N, C-alpha and C. Protein backbone atom coordinates (compact mmCIF):
# COMPACT_ATOMS: atom_id res chain seq x y z
N MET A 1 -3.64 13.81 14.15
CA MET A 1 -4.24 12.75 13.37
C MET A 1 -3.34 11.52 13.43
N ARG A 2 -3.96 10.38 13.49
CA ARG A 2 -3.22 9.12 13.51
C ARG A 2 -2.99 8.62 12.09
N TYR A 3 -1.95 7.80 11.93
CA TYR A 3 -1.60 7.25 10.63
C TYR A 3 -1.38 5.76 10.75
N LEU A 4 -1.72 5.05 9.70
CA LEU A 4 -1.51 3.62 9.59
C LEU A 4 -0.44 3.40 8.54
N ILE A 5 0.61 2.67 8.90
CA ILE A 5 1.67 2.35 7.96
C ILE A 5 1.54 0.86 7.66
N VAL A 6 1.40 0.53 6.37
CA VAL A 6 1.12 -0.84 5.97
C VAL A 6 2.14 -1.30 4.93
N ARG A 7 2.69 -2.49 5.14
CA ARG A 7 3.56 -3.12 4.14
C ARG A 7 2.75 -4.23 3.49
N THR A 8 2.58 -4.17 2.17
CA THR A 8 1.72 -5.12 1.46
C THR A 8 2.47 -5.82 0.33
N GLU A 9 1.92 -6.96 -0.06
CA GLU A 9 2.41 -7.68 -1.25
C GLU A 9 1.86 -6.96 -2.48
N ILE A 10 2.62 -6.91 -3.55
CA ILE A 10 2.14 -6.34 -4.80
C ILE A 10 1.60 -7.48 -5.64
N ARG A 11 0.32 -7.37 -6.00
CA ARG A 11 -0.30 -8.40 -6.82
C ARG A 11 0.20 -8.30 -8.26
N ALA A 12 0.45 -9.45 -8.83
CA ALA A 12 0.83 -9.48 -10.25
C ALA A 12 -0.42 -9.24 -11.09
N VAL A 13 -0.24 -8.61 -12.23
CA VAL A 13 -1.34 -8.33 -13.14
C VAL A 13 -1.11 -9.13 -14.42
N ALA A 14 -2.10 -9.92 -14.79
CA ALA A 14 -2.00 -10.70 -16.02
C ALA A 14 -2.10 -9.78 -17.23
N HIS A 15 -1.51 -10.22 -18.32
CA HIS A 15 -1.49 -9.40 -19.54
C HIS A 15 -2.90 -9.06 -20.02
N HIS A 16 -3.80 -10.04 -20.00
CA HIS A 16 -5.17 -9.78 -20.46
C HIS A 16 -5.91 -8.80 -19.55
N GLU A 17 -5.58 -8.80 -18.23
CA GLU A 17 -6.20 -7.83 -17.32
C GLU A 17 -5.72 -6.42 -17.64
N LEU A 18 -4.46 -6.29 -17.98
CA LEU A 18 -3.90 -4.99 -18.33
C LEU A 18 -4.55 -4.44 -19.60
N ILE A 19 -4.68 -5.29 -20.60
CA ILE A 19 -5.31 -4.86 -21.86
C ILE A 19 -6.77 -4.47 -21.63
N ALA A 20 -7.50 -5.27 -20.86
CA ALA A 20 -8.91 -4.96 -20.58
C ALA A 20 -9.05 -3.65 -19.82
N ALA A 21 -8.15 -3.38 -18.88
CA ALA A 21 -8.22 -2.14 -18.11
C ALA A 21 -7.95 -0.93 -18.99
N VAL A 22 -7.01 -1.05 -19.90
CA VAL A 22 -6.69 0.06 -20.80
C VAL A 22 -7.86 0.32 -21.74
N ARG A 23 -8.46 -0.74 -22.27
CA ARG A 23 -9.58 -0.57 -23.21
C ARG A 23 -10.81 0.06 -22.55
N THR A 24 -11.09 -0.35 -21.32
CA THR A 24 -12.30 0.14 -20.65
C THR A 24 -12.06 1.40 -19.81
N GLY A 25 -10.79 1.74 -19.59
CA GLY A 25 -10.48 2.92 -18.79
C GLY A 25 -10.62 2.69 -17.29
N GLN A 26 -10.65 1.44 -16.88
CA GLN A 26 -10.77 1.11 -15.46
C GLN A 26 -9.38 0.99 -14.82
N ARG A 27 -9.38 0.99 -13.50
CA ARG A 27 -8.14 0.82 -12.77
C ARG A 27 -7.73 -0.65 -12.77
N ILE A 28 -6.44 -0.87 -12.78
CA ILE A 28 -5.93 -2.24 -12.72
C ILE A 28 -6.05 -2.76 -11.29
N ARG A 29 -5.66 -1.94 -10.34
CA ARG A 29 -5.74 -2.32 -8.93
C ARG A 29 -6.67 -1.34 -8.23
N ASP A 30 -7.65 -1.87 -7.51
CA ASP A 30 -8.57 -1.04 -6.75
C ASP A 30 -8.57 -1.54 -5.31
N GLU A 31 -7.95 -0.77 -4.44
CA GLU A 31 -7.80 -1.16 -3.04
C GLU A 31 -9.13 -1.30 -2.31
N ARG A 32 -10.16 -0.64 -2.78
CA ARG A 32 -11.45 -0.71 -2.09
C ARG A 32 -12.17 -2.02 -2.35
N THR A 33 -12.00 -2.59 -3.54
CA THR A 33 -12.69 -3.84 -3.86
C THR A 33 -11.81 -5.06 -3.64
N ALA A 34 -10.52 -4.94 -3.86
CA ALA A 34 -9.61 -6.07 -3.69
C ALA A 34 -8.27 -5.58 -3.13
N PRO A 35 -8.20 -5.37 -1.82
CA PRO A 35 -6.96 -4.86 -1.23
C PRO A 35 -5.81 -5.87 -1.34
N GLU A 36 -4.61 -5.35 -1.41
CA GLU A 36 -3.43 -6.22 -1.46
C GLU A 36 -3.23 -6.88 -0.10
N PRO A 37 -2.70 -8.11 -0.08
CA PRO A 37 -2.47 -8.80 1.20
C PRO A 37 -1.46 -8.04 2.07
N ARG A 38 -1.80 -7.86 3.33
CA ARG A 38 -0.93 -7.13 4.26
C ARG A 38 0.13 -8.05 4.84
N ARG A 39 1.33 -7.52 5.00
CA ARG A 39 2.43 -8.25 5.64
C ARG A 39 2.75 -7.69 7.01
N GLN A 40 2.58 -6.37 7.17
CA GLN A 40 2.91 -5.73 8.44
C GLN A 40 2.12 -4.44 8.56
N THR A 41 1.64 -4.15 9.78
CA THR A 41 0.87 -2.95 10.03
C THR A 41 1.38 -2.29 11.30
N VAL A 42 1.58 -0.96 11.24
CA VAL A 42 2.07 -0.19 12.39
C VAL A 42 1.27 1.10 12.45
N CYS A 43 1.02 1.62 13.66
CA CYS A 43 0.32 2.89 13.85
C CYS A 43 1.30 3.96 14.32
N ALA A 44 1.00 5.22 13.95
CA ALA A 44 1.80 6.36 14.40
C ALA A 44 0.86 7.49 14.77
N GLU A 45 1.29 8.32 15.70
CA GLU A 45 0.47 9.42 16.20
C GLU A 45 0.54 10.68 15.35
N ASN A 46 1.62 10.86 14.58
CA ASN A 46 1.73 12.05 13.74
C ASN A 46 2.45 11.71 12.44
N LEU A 47 2.43 12.63 11.49
CA LEU A 47 2.98 12.37 10.17
C LEU A 47 4.49 12.15 10.22
N GLU A 48 5.17 12.90 11.05
CA GLU A 48 6.63 12.75 11.15
C GLU A 48 7.00 11.34 11.59
N ALA A 49 6.32 10.83 12.61
CA ALA A 49 6.58 9.47 13.09
C ALA A 49 6.19 8.43 12.03
N ALA A 50 5.08 8.69 11.33
CA ALA A 50 4.63 7.77 10.28
C ALA A 50 5.66 7.67 9.16
N MET A 51 6.20 8.80 8.75
CA MET A 51 7.19 8.79 7.67
C MET A 51 8.48 8.13 8.12
N HIS A 52 8.85 8.32 9.37
CA HIS A 52 10.05 7.66 9.91
C HIS A 52 9.87 6.14 9.88
N LEU A 53 8.71 5.66 10.31
CA LEU A 53 8.43 4.22 10.27
C LEU A 53 8.35 3.70 8.84
N ALA A 54 7.76 4.47 7.94
CA ALA A 54 7.66 4.06 6.54
C ALA A 54 9.05 3.93 5.91
N ARG A 55 9.93 4.87 6.22
CA ARG A 55 11.30 4.78 5.69
C ARG A 55 12.00 3.53 6.23
N ALA A 56 11.77 3.21 7.49
CA ALA A 56 12.38 2.01 8.07
C ALA A 56 11.85 0.75 7.39
N LEU A 57 10.54 0.69 7.16
CA LEU A 57 9.96 -0.48 6.50
C LEU A 57 10.40 -0.57 5.04
N SER A 58 10.75 0.55 4.43
CA SER A 58 11.18 0.55 3.04
C SER A 58 12.56 -0.06 2.84
N THR A 59 13.29 -0.29 3.92
CA THR A 59 14.62 -0.90 3.80
C THR A 59 14.55 -2.42 3.71
N VAL A 60 13.37 -3.00 3.91
CA VAL A 60 13.21 -4.45 3.81
C VAL A 60 13.52 -4.88 2.38
N GLY A 61 14.23 -5.98 2.23
CA GLY A 61 14.67 -6.43 0.91
C GLY A 61 13.55 -6.62 -0.09
N SER A 62 12.41 -7.16 0.34
CA SER A 62 11.31 -7.40 -0.60
C SER A 62 10.67 -6.10 -1.07
N VAL A 63 10.75 -5.04 -0.27
CA VAL A 63 10.25 -3.73 -0.70
C VAL A 63 11.24 -3.13 -1.71
N ARG A 64 12.50 -3.23 -1.40
CA ARG A 64 13.53 -2.67 -2.29
C ARG A 64 13.57 -3.38 -3.63
N SER A 65 13.20 -4.67 -3.65
CA SER A 65 13.23 -5.42 -4.92
C SER A 65 11.93 -5.29 -5.70
N GLY A 66 10.91 -4.62 -5.12
CA GLY A 66 9.67 -4.36 -5.84
C GLY A 66 8.58 -5.40 -5.66
N ARG A 67 8.76 -6.36 -4.76
CA ARG A 67 7.72 -7.36 -4.52
C ARG A 67 6.68 -6.89 -3.50
N GLN A 68 7.05 -5.90 -2.69
CA GLN A 68 6.14 -5.35 -1.68
C GLN A 68 6.21 -3.83 -1.75
N ARG A 69 5.21 -3.17 -1.12
CA ARG A 69 5.23 -1.70 -1.06
C ARG A 69 4.81 -1.25 0.33
N VAL A 70 5.16 -0.03 0.67
CA VAL A 70 4.80 0.57 1.96
C VAL A 70 3.84 1.72 1.68
N LYS A 71 2.74 1.75 2.45
CA LYS A 71 1.73 2.79 2.28
C LYS A 71 1.52 3.50 3.61
N VAL A 72 1.33 4.81 3.57
CA VAL A 72 1.00 5.61 4.75
C VAL A 72 -0.42 6.11 4.55
N VAL A 73 -1.33 5.71 5.44
CA VAL A 73 -2.75 6.03 5.29
C VAL A 73 -3.21 6.83 6.51
N PRO A 74 -3.78 8.04 6.30
CA PRO A 74 -4.31 8.79 7.43
C PRO A 74 -5.59 8.12 7.95
N VAL A 75 -5.72 8.07 9.26
CA VAL A 75 -6.90 7.48 9.90
C VAL A 75 -7.73 8.62 10.48
N PRO A 76 -8.94 8.84 9.96
CA PRO A 76 -9.76 9.95 10.48
C PRO A 76 -10.20 9.67 11.91
N PRO A 77 -10.34 10.72 12.70
CA PRO A 77 -10.79 10.54 14.08
C PRO A 77 -12.21 9.98 14.13
N ILE A 78 -12.48 9.20 15.16
CA ILE A 78 -13.82 8.62 15.34
C ILE A 78 -14.69 9.62 16.09
N GLY A 79 -15.89 9.79 15.61
CA GLY A 79 -16.85 10.63 16.33
C GLY A 79 -16.91 11.97 15.85
């Protein structure tokens, strides 16, 4: 299975959005309706390679300081 490794910006959440989400029981961030802006994307052929690349991307200063995050997403085969 192939994997997509993505480094994204973390969106700030306003205080009123947080309160509204807690009251209604909805998610604060929903990647399907409003994905975070991507900064870097890399593909890997297996999980071991994907995790190795994710660890490397996690050393970036903006990830370590909490302004960005790294995600490993499995890509289902086509067909």
